């Protein structure tokens, strides 16, 4: 990853994408989860060497609100947010630094069942978003990415529409389990 490609990704996809890099946890599990300085190359001179665009972590959609800044998705400081589990699960793993995005762009819905029902009735929306997702992969300039879906719904949308890449599934980070159990589950699936 270099500065030109990083800035292009930020400009084109920063409103719904990010990178699997977070500031270190402080006293509490959610401490510093929303600190975006870690994703600023002016403040983190090692950033580009840590980014792994060939690893693509994919959630279904925004669960609430809009992202407040480029690359803020998956770095939610809201007390109800569960993004801290991703940080805990991926810390010191080969997946730290992966690219993160939603398969359904700019569609806010907390209840994934409602979104999946909506997609069934609105097939063009799903197809349009798959097209955007594939364009996003083209912009990353990766040939054979490892795609990892967060949960069943993101996995099902991806696997139904894309057959040229290997797609893995890990539990969604919003599941009501401890961060320790979440890491153990992710670790067993991704073998790290």
N, C-alpha and C. Protein backbone atom coordinates (compact mmCIF):
# COMPACT_ATOMS: atom_id res chain seq x y z
N UNK A 1 0.86 -1.18 0.00
CA UNK A 1 0.00 0.00 0.00
C UNK A 1 0.89 1.23 0.00
N UNK A 2 0.54 2.18 -0.83
CA UNK A 2 1.28 3.43 -0.85
C UNK A 2 0.31 4.59 -0.65
N UNK A 3 0.87 5.77 -0.52
CA UNK A 3 0.06 6.95 -0.20
C UNK A 3 -0.98 7.24 -1.28
N UNK A 4 -0.62 7.12 -2.55
CA UNK A 4 -1.54 7.43 -3.64
C UNK A 4 -2.75 6.49 -3.61
N UNK A 5 -2.49 5.19 -3.48
CA UNK A 5 -3.59 4.23 -3.44
C UNK A 5 -4.43 4.42 -2.17
N UNK A 6 -3.77 4.67 -1.05
CA UNK A 6 -4.47 4.89 0.22
C UNK A 6 -5.43 6.08 0.10
N UNK A 7 -4.94 7.18 -0.44
CA UNK A 7 -5.77 8.39 -0.57
C UNK A 7 -6.91 8.17 -1.56
N UNK A 8 -6.66 7.40 -2.61
CA UNK A 8 -7.73 7.09 -3.57
C UNK A 8 -8.84 6.28 -2.89
N UNK A 9 -8.45 5.27 -2.13
CA UNK A 9 -9.42 4.44 -1.41
C UNK A 9 -10.19 5.30 -0.40
N UNK A 10 -9.48 6.15 0.28
CA UNK A 10 -10.13 7.04 1.27
C UNK A 10 -11.17 7.93 0.60
N UNK A 11 -10.81 8.51 -0.54
CA UNK A 11 -11.72 9.41 -1.26
C UNK A 11 -12.93 8.66 -1.82
N UNK A 12 -12.69 7.51 -2.44
CA UNK A 12 -13.76 6.77 -3.10
C UNK A 12 -14.63 5.96 -2.14
N UNK A 13 -14.03 5.41 -1.08
CA UNK A 13 -14.74 4.44 -0.25
C UNK A 13 -14.69 4.74 1.25
N UNK A 14 -14.06 5.82 1.64
CA UNK A 14 -13.86 6.11 3.06
C UNK A 14 -15.13 6.30 3.87
N UNK A 15 -16.24 6.60 3.21
CA UNK A 15 -17.47 6.81 3.97
C UNK A 15 -18.08 5.52 4.50
N UNK A 16 -17.72 4.37 3.95
CA UNK A 16 -18.26 3.10 4.43
C UNK A 16 -17.17 2.05 4.68
N UNK A 17 -15.93 2.35 4.37
CA UNK A 17 -14.85 1.37 4.53
C UNK A 17 -13.86 1.84 5.59
N UNK A 18 -12.97 0.94 5.96
CA UNK A 18 -11.90 1.29 6.90
C UNK A 18 -10.83 0.20 6.83
N UNK A 19 -9.98 0.22 7.80
CA UNK A 19 -8.89 -0.76 7.91
C UNK A 19 -8.92 -1.38 9.30
N UNK A 20 -8.54 -2.63 9.39
CA UNK A 20 -8.54 -3.37 10.65
C UNK A 20 -7.30 -3.03 11.47
N UNK A 21 -7.23 -1.76 11.81
CA UNK A 21 -6.17 -1.25 12.69
C UNK A 21 -6.84 -0.28 13.65
N UNK A 22 -6.56 -0.45 14.91
CA UNK A 22 -7.13 0.43 15.93
C UNK A 22 -6.03 0.86 16.89
N UNK A 23 -6.29 1.97 17.57
CA UNK A 23 -5.41 2.38 18.66
C UNK A 23 -5.48 1.31 19.74
N UNK A 24 -4.43 1.22 20.53
CA UNK A 24 -4.41 0.23 21.61
C UNK A 24 -5.54 0.47 22.59
N UNK A 25 -6.01 -0.63 23.16
CA UNK A 25 -7.05 -0.55 24.19
C UNK A 25 -6.48 0.14 25.42
N UNK A 26 -7.29 0.97 26.03
CA UNK A 26 -6.90 1.61 27.28
C UNK A 26 -7.40 0.79 28.45
N UNK A 27 -7.87 1.47 29.47
CA UNK A 27 -8.33 0.82 30.69
C UNK A 27 -9.55 -0.06 30.44
N UNK A 28 -10.45 0.41 29.60
CA UNK A 28 -11.68 -0.33 29.32
C UNK A 28 -11.61 -0.96 27.94
N UNK A 29 -12.37 -2.03 27.70
CA UNK A 29 -12.33 -2.70 26.39
C UNK A 29 -12.66 -1.79 25.20
N UNK A 30 -13.52 -0.79 25.41
CA UNK A 30 -13.90 0.11 24.32
C UNK A 30 -13.01 1.36 24.23
N UNK A 31 -12.06 1.48 25.14
CA UNK A 31 -11.18 2.65 25.14
C UNK A 31 -10.46 2.79 23.81
N UNK A 32 -10.44 4.00 23.28
CA UNK A 32 -9.70 4.37 22.07
C UNK A 32 -10.20 3.73 20.79
N UNK A 33 -11.35 3.06 20.83
CA UNK A 33 -11.83 2.38 19.62
C UNK A 33 -12.14 3.38 18.51
N UNK A 34 -12.54 4.58 18.85
CA UNK A 34 -12.87 5.59 17.85
C UNK A 34 -11.73 6.52 17.49
N UNK A 35 -10.53 6.24 17.98
CA UNK A 35 -9.37 7.09 17.72
C UNK A 35 -8.86 6.82 16.29
N UNK A 36 -9.15 7.77 15.40
CA UNK A 36 -8.79 7.59 14.00
C UNK A 36 -7.38 8.08 13.66
N UNK A 37 -6.67 8.61 14.64
CA UNK A 37 -5.29 9.06 14.39
C UNK A 37 -4.42 7.90 13.92
N UNK A 38 -4.76 6.70 14.34
CA UNK A 38 -4.00 5.51 13.95
C UNK A 38 -4.06 5.28 12.43
N UNK A 39 -5.12 5.83 11.79
CA UNK A 39 -5.31 5.68 10.34
C UNK A 39 -4.89 6.93 9.56
N UNK A 40 -4.15 7.79 10.21
CA UNK A 40 -3.64 9.01 9.59
C UNK A 40 -2.15 8.85 9.35
N UNK A 41 -1.72 8.75 8.09
CA UNK A 41 -0.29 8.53 7.82
C UNK A 41 0.61 9.66 8.34
N UNK A 42 0.05 10.84 8.58
CA UNK A 42 0.85 11.93 9.15
C UNK A 42 1.13 11.69 10.63
N UNK A 43 0.27 10.91 11.28
CA UNK A 43 0.44 10.61 12.70
C UNK A 43 0.94 9.19 12.95
N UNK A 44 0.85 8.34 11.94
CA UNK A 44 1.29 6.95 12.07
C UNK A 44 2.18 6.62 10.88
N UNK A 45 3.46 6.83 11.03
CA UNK A 45 4.38 6.66 9.90
C UNK A 45 4.59 5.20 9.49
N UNK A 46 4.06 4.25 10.25
CA UNK A 46 4.16 2.83 9.91
C UNK A 46 2.87 2.30 9.29
N UNK A 47 1.90 3.18 9.09
CA UNK A 47 0.58 2.75 8.63
C UNK A 47 0.63 1.94 7.34
N UNK A 48 1.26 2.46 6.30
CA UNK A 48 1.22 1.80 5.00
C UNK A 48 1.82 0.39 5.04
N UNK A 49 2.82 0.19 5.87
CA UNK A 49 3.45 -1.13 5.96
C UNK A 49 2.55 -2.14 6.68
N UNK A 50 1.55 -1.66 7.40
CA UNK A 50 0.67 -2.56 8.15
C UNK A 50 -0.62 -2.90 7.41
N UNK A 51 -0.94 -2.15 6.36
CA UNK A 51 -2.19 -2.38 5.64
C UNK A 51 -2.09 -3.59 4.72
N UNK A 52 -3.15 -4.38 4.71
CA UNK A 52 -3.19 -5.62 3.92
C UNK A 52 -4.46 -5.63 3.06
N UNK A 53 -4.41 -4.98 1.91
CA UNK A 53 -5.61 -4.89 1.07
C UNK A 53 -6.06 -6.23 0.49
N UNK A 54 -5.25 -7.25 0.58
CA UNK A 54 -5.65 -8.56 0.06
C UNK A 54 -6.53 -9.33 1.06
N UNK A 55 -6.72 -8.78 2.26
CA UNK A 55 -7.64 -9.35 3.24
C UNK A 55 -8.83 -8.40 3.31
N UNK A 56 -10.01 -8.90 2.99
CA UNK A 56 -11.22 -8.08 2.93
C UNK A 56 -12.22 -8.61 3.96
N UNK A 57 -12.50 -7.81 4.97
CA UNK A 57 -13.48 -8.16 5.99
C UNK A 57 -14.77 -7.42 5.67
N UNK A 58 -15.88 -8.17 5.57
CA UNK A 58 -17.11 -7.59 5.05
C UNK A 58 -18.29 -7.79 6.00
N UNK A 59 -18.90 -6.67 6.39
CA UNK A 59 -20.15 -6.70 7.16
C UNK A 59 -21.30 -6.47 6.19
N UNK A 60 -22.52 -6.59 6.68
CA UNK A 60 -23.69 -6.43 5.82
C UNK A 60 -23.95 -4.97 5.48
N UNK A 61 -24.04 -4.10 6.52
CA UNK A 61 -24.43 -2.71 6.31
C UNK A 61 -24.18 -1.90 7.59
N UNK A 62 -24.41 -0.60 7.49
CA UNK A 62 -24.38 0.25 8.70
C UNK A 62 -25.51 -0.20 9.62
N UNK A 63 -25.23 -0.28 10.90
CA UNK A 63 -26.30 -0.66 11.82
C UNK A 63 -27.00 0.56 12.41
N UNK A 64 -26.29 1.68 12.48
CA UNK A 64 -26.95 2.88 13.00
C UNK A 64 -26.17 4.12 12.58
N UNK A 65 -26.91 5.17 12.30
CA UNK A 65 -26.30 6.46 12.01
C UNK A 65 -25.40 6.46 10.80
N UNK A 66 -24.76 7.57 10.61
CA UNK A 66 -23.81 7.71 9.52
C UNK A 66 -22.40 7.76 10.08
N UNK A 67 -21.46 7.40 9.26
CA UNK A 67 -20.06 7.47 9.66
C UNK A 67 -19.67 8.94 9.73
N UNK A 68 -18.97 9.31 10.78
CA UNK A 68 -18.67 10.72 11.05
C UNK A 68 -17.45 11.24 10.31
N UNK A 69 -16.59 10.37 9.82
CA UNK A 69 -15.36 10.78 9.15
C UNK A 69 -14.88 9.63 8.27
N UNK A 70 -14.02 9.91 7.29
CA UNK A 70 -13.48 8.82 6.48
C UNK A 70 -12.79 7.76 7.35
N UNK A 71 -13.05 6.52 7.04
CA UNK A 71 -12.50 5.35 7.72
C UNK A 71 -13.01 5.17 9.14
N UNK A 72 -14.09 5.86 9.51
CA UNK A 72 -14.64 5.72 10.87
C UNK A 72 -15.52 4.48 11.02
N UNK A 73 -15.98 3.90 9.91
CA UNK A 73 -16.76 2.68 10.02
C UNK A 73 -15.89 1.61 10.67
N UNK A 74 -16.49 0.80 11.52
CA UNK A 74 -15.80 -0.23 12.30
C UNK A 74 -14.90 0.35 13.39
N UNK A 75 -15.03 1.63 13.65
CA UNK A 75 -14.29 2.31 14.72
C UNK A 75 -15.28 3.13 15.55
N UNK A 76 -16.38 2.50 15.92
CA UNK A 76 -17.50 3.17 16.56
C UNK A 76 -17.26 3.35 18.06
N UNK A 77 -17.19 4.61 18.47
CA UNK A 77 -16.97 4.94 19.89
C UNK A 77 -18.28 4.96 20.68
N UNK A 78 -19.41 4.75 20.03
CA UNK A 78 -20.69 4.73 20.72
C UNK A 78 -20.67 3.65 21.80
N UNK A 79 -21.17 3.95 23.00
CA UNK A 79 -21.17 2.95 24.07
C UNK A 79 -21.89 1.65 23.71
N UNK A 80 -22.86 1.73 22.77
CA UNK A 80 -23.57 0.52 22.34
C UNK A 80 -22.81 -0.25 21.27
N UNK A 81 -21.76 0.32 20.73
CA UNK A 81 -21.00 -0.32 19.66
C UNK A 81 -20.25 -1.55 20.12
N UNK A 82 -20.04 -2.47 19.20
CA UNK A 82 -19.31 -3.71 19.52
C UNK A 82 -18.06 -3.88 18.65
N UNK A 83 -17.65 -2.81 18.00
CA UNK A 83 -16.45 -2.87 17.15
C UNK A 83 -15.20 -3.28 17.92
N UNK A 84 -15.20 -3.01 19.22
CA UNK A 84 -14.04 -3.36 20.04
C UNK A 84 -13.75 -4.85 20.01
N UNK A 85 -14.78 -5.67 19.76
CA UNK A 85 -14.56 -7.12 19.69
C UNK A 85 -13.71 -7.49 18.47
N UNK A 86 -13.88 -6.74 17.38
CA UNK A 86 -13.06 -7.01 16.19
C UNK A 86 -11.61 -6.71 16.52
N UNK A 87 -11.37 -5.56 17.16
CA UNK A 87 -9.99 -5.20 17.54
C UNK A 87 -9.39 -6.30 18.41
N UNK A 88 -10.14 -6.74 19.39
CA UNK A 88 -9.63 -7.76 20.30
C UNK A 88 -9.36 -9.08 19.56
N UNK A 89 -10.26 -9.44 18.67
CA UNK A 89 -10.13 -10.72 17.95
C UNK A 89 -8.96 -10.73 16.97
N UNK A 90 -8.69 -9.60 16.33
CA UNK A 90 -7.68 -9.57 15.28
C UNK A 90 -6.30 -9.11 15.75
N UNK A 91 -6.22 -8.55 16.94
CA UNK A 91 -4.94 -8.03 17.44
C UNK A 91 -3.86 -9.12 17.37
N UNK A 92 -2.70 -8.76 16.83
CA UNK A 92 -1.55 -9.67 16.71
C UNK A 92 -1.84 -10.90 15.85
N UNK A 93 -2.76 -10.75 14.91
CA UNK A 93 -3.06 -11.86 14.00
C UNK A 93 -2.65 -11.46 12.59
N UNK A 94 -2.60 -12.42 11.68
CA UNK A 94 -2.28 -12.09 10.28
C UNK A 94 -3.36 -11.23 9.60
N UNK A 95 -4.51 -11.07 10.23
CA UNK A 95 -5.62 -10.33 9.65
C UNK A 95 -5.65 -8.86 10.09
N UNK A 96 -4.80 -8.51 11.03
CA UNK A 96 -4.66 -7.11 11.47
C UNK A 96 -4.15 -6.30 10.28
N UNK A 97 -4.85 -5.24 9.95
CA UNK A 97 -4.46 -4.42 8.80
C UNK A 97 -5.29 -4.68 7.57
N UNK A 98 -6.20 -5.65 7.65
CA UNK A 98 -7.07 -5.94 6.51
C UNK A 98 -8.01 -4.79 6.20
N UNK A 99 -8.55 -4.82 5.02
CA UNK A 99 -9.51 -3.81 4.56
C UNK A 99 -10.90 -4.21 5.04
N UNK A 100 -11.69 -3.24 5.47
CA UNK A 100 -13.02 -3.52 6.00
C UNK A 100 -14.07 -2.69 5.26
N UNK A 101 -15.19 -3.32 4.95
CA UNK A 101 -16.25 -2.62 4.23
C UNK A 101 -17.59 -3.29 4.48
N UNK A 102 -18.64 -2.66 4.00
CA UNK A 102 -19.98 -3.23 4.01
C UNK A 102 -20.33 -3.67 2.60
N UNK A 103 -21.07 -4.76 2.47
CA UNK A 103 -21.48 -5.18 1.14
C UNK A 103 -22.66 -4.33 0.65
N UNK A 104 -23.54 -3.93 1.55
CA UNK A 104 -24.63 -3.03 1.20
C UNK A 104 -24.22 -1.64 1.69
N UNK A 105 -23.99 -0.75 0.77
CA UNK A 105 -23.43 0.57 1.07
C UNK A 105 -24.52 1.57 1.46
N UNK A 106 -24.20 2.38 2.43
CA UNK A 106 -25.03 3.53 2.80
C UNK A 106 -26.50 3.19 3.03
N UNK A 107 -26.75 2.06 3.67
CA UNK A 107 -28.11 1.66 4.01
C UNK A 107 -28.12 1.34 5.49
N UNK A 108 -28.74 2.19 6.27
CA UNK A 108 -28.74 2.02 7.73
C UNK A 108 -29.94 1.20 8.16
N UNK A 109 -29.65 0.09 8.83
CA UNK A 109 -30.70 -0.76 9.40
C UNK A 109 -30.06 -1.64 10.46
N UNK A 110 -30.51 -1.51 11.69
CA UNK A 110 -29.94 -2.30 12.78
C UNK A 110 -30.37 -3.77 12.70
N UNK A 111 -31.59 -3.99 12.28
CA UNK A 111 -32.16 -5.35 12.23
C UNK A 111 -31.83 -5.98 10.87
N UNK A 112 -30.88 -6.88 10.86
CA UNK A 112 -30.46 -7.48 9.58
C UNK A 112 -31.58 -8.27 8.93
N UNK A 113 -32.50 -8.82 9.71
CA UNK A 113 -33.63 -9.55 9.13
C UNK A 113 -34.48 -8.62 8.27
N UNK A 114 -34.67 -7.40 8.72
CA UNK A 114 -35.44 -6.43 7.94
C UNK A 114 -34.72 -6.11 6.63
N UNK A 115 -33.40 -5.94 6.71
CA UNK A 115 -32.64 -5.65 5.49
C UNK A 115 -32.68 -6.83 4.53
N UNK A 116 -32.51 -8.03 5.04
CA UNK A 116 -32.54 -9.21 4.17
C UNK A 116 -33.91 -9.36 3.50
N UNK A 117 -34.97 -9.07 4.23
CA UNK A 117 -36.31 -9.10 3.67
C UNK A 117 -36.46 -8.04 2.58
N UNK A 118 -35.92 -6.86 2.84
CA UNK A 118 -35.97 -5.77 1.87
C UNK A 118 -35.20 -6.14 0.60
N UNK A 119 -34.04 -6.78 0.77
CA UNK A 119 -33.25 -7.19 -0.39
C UNK A 119 -33.99 -8.22 -1.24
N UNK A 120 -34.73 -9.13 -0.60
CA UNK A 120 -35.50 -10.13 -1.35
C UNK A 120 -36.53 -9.47 -2.25
N UNK A 121 -37.09 -8.36 -1.77
CA UNK A 121 -38.12 -7.65 -2.53
C UNK A 121 -37.51 -6.64 -3.51
N UNK A 122 -36.26 -6.32 -3.33
CA UNK A 122 -35.59 -5.30 -4.15
C UNK A 122 -34.27 -5.84 -4.69
N UNK A 123 -34.38 -6.82 -5.55
CA UNK A 123 -33.19 -7.48 -6.12
C UNK A 123 -32.21 -6.51 -6.78
N UNK A 124 -32.68 -5.47 -7.48
CA UNK A 124 -31.73 -4.55 -8.10
C UNK A 124 -30.80 -3.85 -7.09
N UNK A 125 -31.31 -3.60 -5.88
CA UNK A 125 -30.46 -2.98 -4.86
C UNK A 125 -29.29 -3.89 -4.50
N UNK A 126 -29.56 -5.16 -4.34
CA UNK A 126 -28.49 -6.12 -4.03
C UNK A 126 -27.48 -6.19 -5.17
N UNK A 127 -27.97 -6.31 -6.40
CA UNK A 127 -27.08 -6.40 -7.57
C UNK A 127 -26.23 -5.13 -7.71
N UNK A 128 -26.85 -3.98 -7.51
CA UNK A 128 -26.13 -2.70 -7.60
C UNK A 128 -25.01 -2.63 -6.56
N UNK A 129 -25.30 -3.13 -5.34
CA UNK A 129 -24.29 -3.10 -4.29
C UNK A 129 -23.19 -4.13 -4.50
N UNK A 130 -23.51 -5.26 -5.09
CA UNK A 130 -22.47 -6.23 -5.43
C UNK A 130 -21.55 -5.63 -6.49
N UNK A 131 -22.13 -4.94 -7.46
CA UNK A 131 -21.32 -4.27 -8.48
C UNK A 131 -20.37 -3.26 -7.83
N UNK A 132 -20.89 -2.47 -6.88
CA UNK A 132 -20.05 -1.49 -6.17
C UNK A 132 -18.94 -2.19 -5.37
N UNK A 133 -19.29 -3.31 -4.75
CA UNK A 133 -18.31 -4.06 -3.97
C UNK A 133 -17.18 -4.56 -4.88
N UNK A 134 -17.54 -5.09 -6.03
CA UNK A 134 -16.52 -5.59 -6.97
C UNK A 134 -15.66 -4.45 -7.52
N UNK A 135 -16.27 -3.29 -7.74
CA UNK A 135 -15.50 -2.10 -8.15
C UNK A 135 -14.53 -1.69 -7.05
N UNK A 136 -14.98 -1.80 -5.82
CA UNK A 136 -14.13 -1.50 -4.67
C UNK A 136 -12.91 -2.42 -4.65
N UNK A 137 -13.13 -3.70 -4.92
CA UNK A 137 -12.00 -4.65 -4.98
C UNK A 137 -11.05 -4.27 -6.12
N UNK A 138 -11.60 -3.85 -7.24
CA UNK A 138 -10.77 -3.39 -8.36
C UNK A 138 -9.93 -2.19 -7.95
N UNK A 139 -10.52 -1.27 -7.22
CA UNK A 139 -9.79 -0.08 -6.76
C UNK A 139 -8.66 -0.45 -5.81
N UNK A 140 -8.83 -1.53 -5.06
CA UNK A 140 -7.78 -1.99 -4.15
C UNK A 140 -6.62 -2.65 -4.91
N UNK A 141 -6.88 -3.04 -6.15
CA UNK A 141 -5.87 -3.66 -7.01
C UNK A 141 -5.29 -4.94 -6.39
N UNK A 142 -6.21 -5.84 -6.00
CA UNK A 142 -5.80 -7.14 -5.47
C UNK A 142 -6.31 -8.22 -6.43
N UNK A 143 -5.51 -9.24 -6.63
CA UNK A 143 -5.86 -10.29 -7.57
C UNK A 143 -6.69 -11.41 -6.96
N UNK A 144 -6.27 -11.89 -5.82
CA UNK A 144 -6.93 -13.04 -5.22
C UNK A 144 -7.12 -12.79 -3.73
N UNK A 145 -8.05 -11.90 -3.38
CA UNK A 145 -8.21 -11.55 -1.96
C UNK A 145 -8.84 -12.67 -1.15
N UNK A 146 -8.56 -12.66 0.12
CA UNK A 146 -9.27 -13.50 1.08
C UNK A 146 -10.42 -12.65 1.60
N UNK A 147 -11.64 -13.09 1.34
CA UNK A 147 -12.82 -12.35 1.78
C UNK A 147 -13.41 -13.06 2.99
N UNK A 148 -13.62 -12.28 4.04
CA UNK A 148 -14.13 -12.83 5.29
C UNK A 148 -15.41 -12.07 5.66
N UNK A 149 -16.52 -12.79 5.70
CA UNK A 149 -17.81 -12.17 6.00
C UNK A 149 -18.08 -12.24 7.50
N UNK A 150 -18.59 -11.13 8.03
CA UNK A 150 -19.05 -11.09 9.42
C UNK A 150 -20.49 -11.58 9.46
N UNK A 151 -20.71 -12.81 9.88
CA UNK A 151 -22.06 -13.33 10.08
C UNK A 151 -22.69 -13.93 8.84
N UNK A 152 -23.83 -14.58 9.08
CA UNK A 152 -24.54 -15.32 8.03
C UNK A 152 -25.07 -14.43 6.91
N UNK A 153 -25.64 -13.29 7.27
CA UNK A 153 -26.29 -12.47 6.25
C UNK A 153 -25.29 -11.92 5.24
N UNK A 154 -24.22 -11.33 5.70
CA UNK A 154 -23.19 -10.83 4.79
C UNK A 154 -22.64 -11.98 3.95
N UNK A 155 -22.39 -13.11 4.59
CA UNK A 155 -21.88 -14.29 3.89
C UNK A 155 -22.85 -14.73 2.79
N UNK A 156 -24.14 -14.82 3.13
CA UNK A 156 -25.12 -15.29 2.16
C UNK A 156 -25.24 -14.35 0.96
N UNK A 157 -25.20 -13.05 1.19
CA UNK A 157 -25.26 -12.09 0.08
C UNK A 157 -24.03 -12.26 -0.81
N UNK A 158 -22.87 -12.39 -0.20
CA UNK A 158 -21.63 -12.53 -0.97
C UNK A 158 -21.58 -13.84 -1.75
N UNK A 159 -21.87 -14.94 -1.07
CA UNK A 159 -21.72 -16.26 -1.69
C UNK A 159 -22.74 -16.46 -2.82
N UNK A 160 -23.90 -15.83 -2.70
CA UNK A 160 -24.94 -15.93 -3.73
C UNK A 160 -24.54 -15.17 -5.00
N UNK A 161 -23.74 -14.14 -4.85
CA UNK A 161 -23.45 -13.25 -5.97
C UNK A 161 -22.03 -13.31 -6.51
N UNK A 162 -21.12 -13.89 -5.76
CA UNK A 162 -19.71 -13.89 -6.17
C UNK A 162 -19.16 -15.30 -6.09
N UNK A 163 -18.65 -15.78 -7.20
CA UNK A 163 -18.09 -17.14 -7.19
C UNK A 163 -16.62 -17.19 -7.59
N UNK A 164 -16.02 -16.05 -7.84
CA UNK A 164 -14.63 -16.09 -8.28
C UNK A 164 -13.61 -15.93 -7.15
N UNK A 165 -14.09 -15.71 -5.92
CA UNK A 165 -13.18 -15.57 -4.78
C UNK A 165 -13.58 -16.53 -3.67
N UNK A 166 -12.60 -16.90 -2.89
CA UNK A 166 -12.86 -17.71 -1.71
C UNK A 166 -13.46 -16.79 -0.64
N UNK A 167 -14.58 -17.22 -0.05
CA UNK A 167 -15.26 -16.42 0.96
C UNK A 167 -15.42 -17.26 2.22
N UNK A 168 -14.89 -16.74 3.31
CA UNK A 168 -14.99 -17.39 4.61
C UNK A 168 -16.02 -16.66 5.45
N UNK A 169 -16.49 -17.33 6.49
CA UNK A 169 -17.48 -16.71 7.38
C UNK A 169 -17.01 -16.83 8.82
N UNK A 170 -17.04 -15.71 9.52
CA UNK A 170 -16.79 -15.70 10.96
C UNK A 170 -18.04 -15.15 11.64
N UNK A 171 -18.19 -15.39 12.94
CA UNK A 171 -19.37 -14.85 13.63
C UNK A 171 -19.38 -13.32 13.55
N UNK A 172 -20.58 -12.78 13.62
CA UNK A 172 -20.70 -11.32 13.65
C UNK A 172 -20.26 -10.82 15.02
N UNK A 173 -19.60 -9.70 15.04
CA UNK A 173 -19.07 -9.14 16.28
C UNK A 173 -20.14 -8.60 17.22
N UNK A 174 -21.39 -8.49 16.74
CA UNK A 174 -22.47 -8.02 17.61
C UNK A 174 -23.10 -9.15 18.42
N UNK A 175 -22.69 -10.40 18.17
CA UNK A 175 -23.23 -11.52 18.94
C UNK A 175 -22.99 -11.28 20.42
N UNK A 176 -23.93 -11.73 21.22
CA UNK A 176 -23.86 -11.54 22.67
C UNK A 176 -22.91 -12.56 23.30
N UNK A 177 -21.62 -12.40 23.00
CA UNK A 177 -20.60 -13.24 23.62
C UNK A 177 -19.46 -12.33 24.06
N UNK A 178 -18.64 -12.83 24.94
CA UNK A 178 -17.51 -12.03 25.42
C UNK A 178 -16.49 -11.82 24.31
N UNK A 179 -15.67 -10.82 24.48
CA UNK A 179 -14.63 -10.57 23.48
C UNK A 179 -13.64 -11.72 23.46
N UNK A 180 -13.40 -12.36 24.59
CA UNK A 180 -12.49 -13.50 24.65
C UNK A 180 -13.04 -14.69 23.86
N UNK A 181 -14.33 -14.96 24.02
CA UNK A 181 -14.97 -16.06 23.29
C UNK A 181 -15.02 -15.72 21.79
N UNK A 182 -15.28 -14.46 21.48
CA UNK A 182 -15.31 -14.05 20.08
C UNK A 182 -13.94 -14.29 19.44
N UNK A 183 -12.87 -13.87 20.10
CA UNK A 183 -11.53 -14.09 19.56
C UNK A 183 -11.26 -15.58 19.36
N UNK A 184 -11.63 -16.38 20.34
CA UNK A 184 -11.40 -17.82 20.24
C UNK A 184 -12.14 -18.41 19.04
N UNK A 185 -13.39 -17.98 18.83
CA UNK A 185 -14.18 -18.48 17.70
C UNK A 185 -13.56 -18.05 16.37
N UNK A 186 -13.18 -16.78 16.27
CA UNK A 186 -12.55 -16.26 15.04
C UNK A 186 -11.22 -16.97 14.79
N UNK A 187 -10.44 -17.14 15.84
CA UNK A 187 -9.14 -17.81 15.74
C UNK A 187 -9.28 -19.24 15.24
N UNK A 188 -10.30 -19.94 15.71
CA UNK A 188 -10.47 -21.33 15.28
C UNK A 188 -10.88 -21.42 13.81
N UNK A 189 -11.65 -20.46 13.34
CA UNK A 189 -12.08 -20.48 11.92
C UNK A 189 -10.96 -20.06 10.99
N UNK A 190 -10.25 -18.99 11.38
CA UNK A 190 -9.20 -18.44 10.51
C UNK A 190 -7.83 -19.09 10.75
N UNK A 191 -7.74 -19.95 11.75
CA UNK A 191 -6.52 -20.71 12.05
C UNK A 191 -5.29 -19.83 12.27
N UNK A 192 -5.36 -18.96 13.26
CA UNK A 192 -4.17 -18.19 13.63
C UNK A 192 -3.88 -18.35 15.09
